[in-house]
């Protein structure tokens, strides 16, 4: 597995650096905003709903 995204710029599966950076920021913000101590107490649907709301909030803050 090649993790150097620049080596794959001409390949079909190229992922732009901006996308990778956004994904990384989203992940970091999710970890900051979600109360990890309650994750195992929520059912899957509730957890998905809560995560979706947090992601939407983050995207609004990122102006997407």
N, C-alpha and C. Protein backbone atom coordinates (compact mmCIF):
# COMPACT_ATOMS: atom_id res chain seq x y z
N UNK A 1 0.84 -1.19 0.00
CA UNK A 1 0.00 0.00 0.00
C UNK A 1 0.88 1.25 0.00
N UNK A 2 0.64 2.12 -0.93
CA UNK A 2 1.42 3.34 -1.06
C UNK A 2 0.64 4.49 -0.42
N UNK A 3 1.18 5.09 0.63
CA UNK A 3 0.48 6.19 1.29
C UNK A 3 0.92 7.56 0.77
N UNK A 4 1.87 7.58 -0.11
CA UNK A 4 2.32 8.83 -0.71
C UNK A 4 1.37 9.18 -1.84
N UNK A 5 0.42 10.07 -1.57
CA UNK A 5 -0.61 10.43 -2.53
C UNK A 5 -0.03 11.08 -3.78
N UNK A 6 1.10 11.77 -3.66
CA UNK A 6 1.69 12.46 -4.82
C UNK A 6 2.18 11.46 -5.87
N UNK A 7 2.51 10.26 -5.47
CA UNK A 7 2.99 9.24 -6.42
C UNK A 7 1.85 8.71 -7.28
N UNK A 8 0.61 8.97 -6.89
CA UNK A 8 -0.54 8.44 -7.60
C UNK A 8 -1.31 9.49 -8.39
N UNK A 9 -0.75 10.64 -8.63
CA UNK A 9 -1.48 11.73 -9.28
C UNK A 9 -2.02 11.37 -10.66
N UNK A 10 -1.34 10.50 -11.40
CA UNK A 10 -1.79 10.16 -12.73
C UNK A 10 -2.66 8.90 -12.77
N UNK A 11 -2.86 8.28 -11.63
CA UNK A 11 -3.65 7.05 -11.60
C UNK A 11 -5.14 7.38 -11.55
N UNK A 12 -5.95 6.39 -11.86
CA UNK A 12 -7.41 6.56 -11.90
C UNK A 12 -7.95 6.85 -10.51
N UNK A 13 -7.38 6.27 -9.47
CA UNK A 13 -7.89 6.42 -8.12
C UNK A 13 -7.30 7.58 -7.34
N UNK A 14 -6.78 8.58 -8.01
CA UNK A 14 -6.15 9.72 -7.34
C UNK A 14 -7.16 10.45 -6.46
N UNK A 15 -6.73 10.75 -5.24
CA UNK A 15 -7.55 11.53 -4.31
C UNK A 15 -6.83 12.85 -4.09
N UNK A 16 -7.49 13.97 -4.39
CA UNK A 16 -6.85 15.28 -4.23
C UNK A 16 -6.39 15.52 -2.79
N UNK A 17 -5.28 16.21 -2.65
CA UNK A 17 -4.74 16.54 -1.33
C UNK A 17 -5.76 17.30 -0.48
N UNK A 18 -6.55 18.17 -1.10
CA UNK A 18 -7.54 18.95 -0.38
C UNK A 18 -8.57 18.03 0.29
N UNK A 19 -8.96 16.98 -0.40
CA UNK A 19 -9.92 16.03 0.16
C UNK A 19 -9.32 15.31 1.37
N UNK A 20 -8.08 14.89 1.23
CA UNK A 20 -7.40 14.19 2.32
C UNK A 20 -7.27 15.12 3.53
N UNK A 21 -6.94 16.38 3.29
CA UNK A 21 -6.81 17.35 4.37
C UNK A 21 -8.16 17.60 5.05
N UNK A 22 -9.22 17.75 4.25
CA UNK A 22 -10.56 17.95 4.81
C UNK A 22 -10.97 16.74 5.65
N UNK A 23 -10.74 15.57 5.12
CA UNK A 23 -11.09 14.34 5.83
C UNK A 23 -10.34 14.26 7.16
N UNK A 24 -9.10 14.63 7.16
CA UNK A 24 -8.30 14.62 8.39
C UNK A 24 -8.83 15.63 9.40
N UNK A 25 -9.14 16.84 8.93
CA UNK A 25 -9.70 17.86 9.83
C UNK A 25 -11.03 17.42 10.39
N UNK A 26 -11.88 16.82 9.54
CA UNK A 26 -13.19 16.32 9.98
C UNK A 26 -13.01 15.27 11.08
N UNK A 27 -12.12 14.36 10.86
CA UNK A 27 -11.88 13.30 11.84
C UNK A 27 -11.41 13.89 13.17
N UNK A 28 -10.47 14.82 13.11
CA UNK A 28 -9.96 15.45 14.33
C UNK A 28 -11.08 16.18 15.07
N UNK A 29 -11.89 16.92 14.33
CA UNK A 29 -13.00 17.67 14.96
C UNK A 29 -14.04 16.72 15.54
N UNK A 30 -14.33 15.63 14.86
CA UNK A 30 -15.27 14.64 15.40
C UNK A 30 -14.77 14.12 16.74
N UNK A 31 -13.51 13.80 16.80
CA UNK A 31 -12.95 13.30 18.06
C UNK A 31 -13.00 14.35 19.16
N UNK A 32 -12.86 15.62 18.78
CA UNK A 32 -12.94 16.71 19.76
C UNK A 32 -14.37 16.92 20.26
N UNK A 33 -15.36 16.76 19.38
CA UNK A 33 -16.73 17.13 19.71
C UNK A 33 -17.60 16.00 20.25
N UNK A 34 -17.25 14.78 19.93
CA UNK A 34 -18.09 13.66 20.35
C UNK A 34 -17.64 13.17 21.71
N UNK A 35 -18.60 12.93 22.57
CA UNK A 35 -18.32 12.37 23.89
C UNK A 35 -18.10 10.87 23.73
N UNK A 36 -16.84 10.48 23.67
CA UNK A 36 -16.50 9.09 23.40
C UNK A 36 -16.96 8.14 24.50
N UNK A 37 -17.21 8.66 25.69
CA UNK A 37 -17.63 7.80 26.79
C UNK A 37 -19.06 7.28 26.63
N UNK A 38 -19.85 7.89 25.74
CA UNK A 38 -21.24 7.43 25.57
C UNK A 38 -21.46 6.63 24.29
N UNK A 39 -20.44 6.51 23.49
CA UNK A 39 -20.60 5.82 22.20
C UNK A 39 -21.12 4.40 22.39
N UNK A 40 -20.57 3.68 23.34
CA UNK A 40 -20.99 2.29 23.52
C UNK A 40 -22.35 2.17 24.17
N UNK A 41 -22.92 3.28 24.63
CA UNK A 41 -24.24 3.26 25.26
C UNK A 41 -25.37 3.58 24.27
N UNK A 42 -25.01 4.08 23.10
CA UNK A 42 -26.00 4.45 22.09
C UNK A 42 -26.22 3.30 21.12
N UNK A 43 -27.47 3.17 20.67
CA UNK A 43 -27.72 2.20 19.61
C UNK A 43 -27.19 2.77 18.30
N UNK A 44 -27.03 1.91 17.33
CA UNK A 44 -26.40 2.28 16.05
C UNK A 44 -27.11 3.45 15.36
N UNK A 45 -28.44 3.43 15.35
CA UNK A 45 -29.18 4.51 14.68
C UNK A 45 -28.99 5.85 15.39
N UNK A 46 -29.02 5.84 16.71
CA UNK A 46 -28.81 7.08 17.47
C UNK A 46 -27.40 7.62 17.26
N UNK A 47 -26.44 6.71 17.28
CA UNK A 47 -25.05 7.12 17.07
C UNK A 47 -24.88 7.72 15.68
N UNK A 48 -25.45 7.08 14.67
CA UNK A 48 -25.36 7.60 13.30
C UNK A 48 -25.98 8.98 13.20
N UNK A 49 -27.12 9.16 13.84
CA UNK A 49 -27.81 10.45 13.83
C UNK A 49 -26.95 11.53 14.48
N UNK A 50 -26.38 11.21 15.64
CA UNK A 50 -25.54 12.17 16.35
C UNK A 50 -24.29 12.53 15.55
N UNK A 51 -23.67 11.53 14.97
CA UNK A 51 -22.47 11.79 14.16
C UNK A 51 -22.82 12.63 12.95
N UNK A 52 -23.94 12.33 12.31
CA UNK A 52 -24.38 13.11 11.14
C UNK A 52 -24.56 14.58 11.51
N UNK A 53 -25.18 14.84 12.67
CA UNK A 53 -25.40 16.22 13.11
C UNK A 53 -24.08 16.94 13.34
N UNK A 54 -23.13 16.25 13.96
CA UNK A 54 -21.83 16.86 14.22
C UNK A 54 -21.10 17.12 12.91
N UNK A 55 -21.15 16.18 11.98
CA UNK A 55 -20.50 16.37 10.68
C UNK A 55 -21.12 17.56 9.95
N UNK A 56 -22.44 17.68 9.99
CA UNK A 56 -23.09 18.83 9.34
C UNK A 56 -22.64 20.13 9.98
N UNK A 57 -22.50 20.16 11.30
CA UNK A 57 -22.03 21.36 12.00
C UNK A 57 -20.61 21.70 11.56
N UNK A 58 -19.75 20.71 11.50
CA UNK A 58 -18.37 20.93 11.08
C UNK A 58 -18.32 21.45 9.65
N UNK A 59 -19.11 20.86 8.77
CA UNK A 59 -19.12 21.31 7.38
C UNK A 59 -19.61 22.75 7.26
N UNK A 60 -20.60 23.12 8.07
CA UNK A 60 -21.06 24.52 8.05
C UNK A 60 -19.92 25.44 8.51
N UNK A 61 -19.19 25.03 9.53
CA UNK A 61 -18.06 25.83 10.02
C UNK A 61 -16.96 25.93 8.95
N UNK A 62 -16.81 24.88 8.15
CA UNK A 62 -15.80 24.85 7.09
C UNK A 62 -16.32 25.57 5.83
N UNK A 63 -17.55 26.05 5.85
CA UNK A 63 -18.20 26.74 4.73
C UNK A 63 -18.44 25.84 3.53
N UNK A 64 -18.86 24.62 3.80
CA UNK A 64 -19.22 23.71 2.72
C UNK A 64 -20.68 23.63 2.64
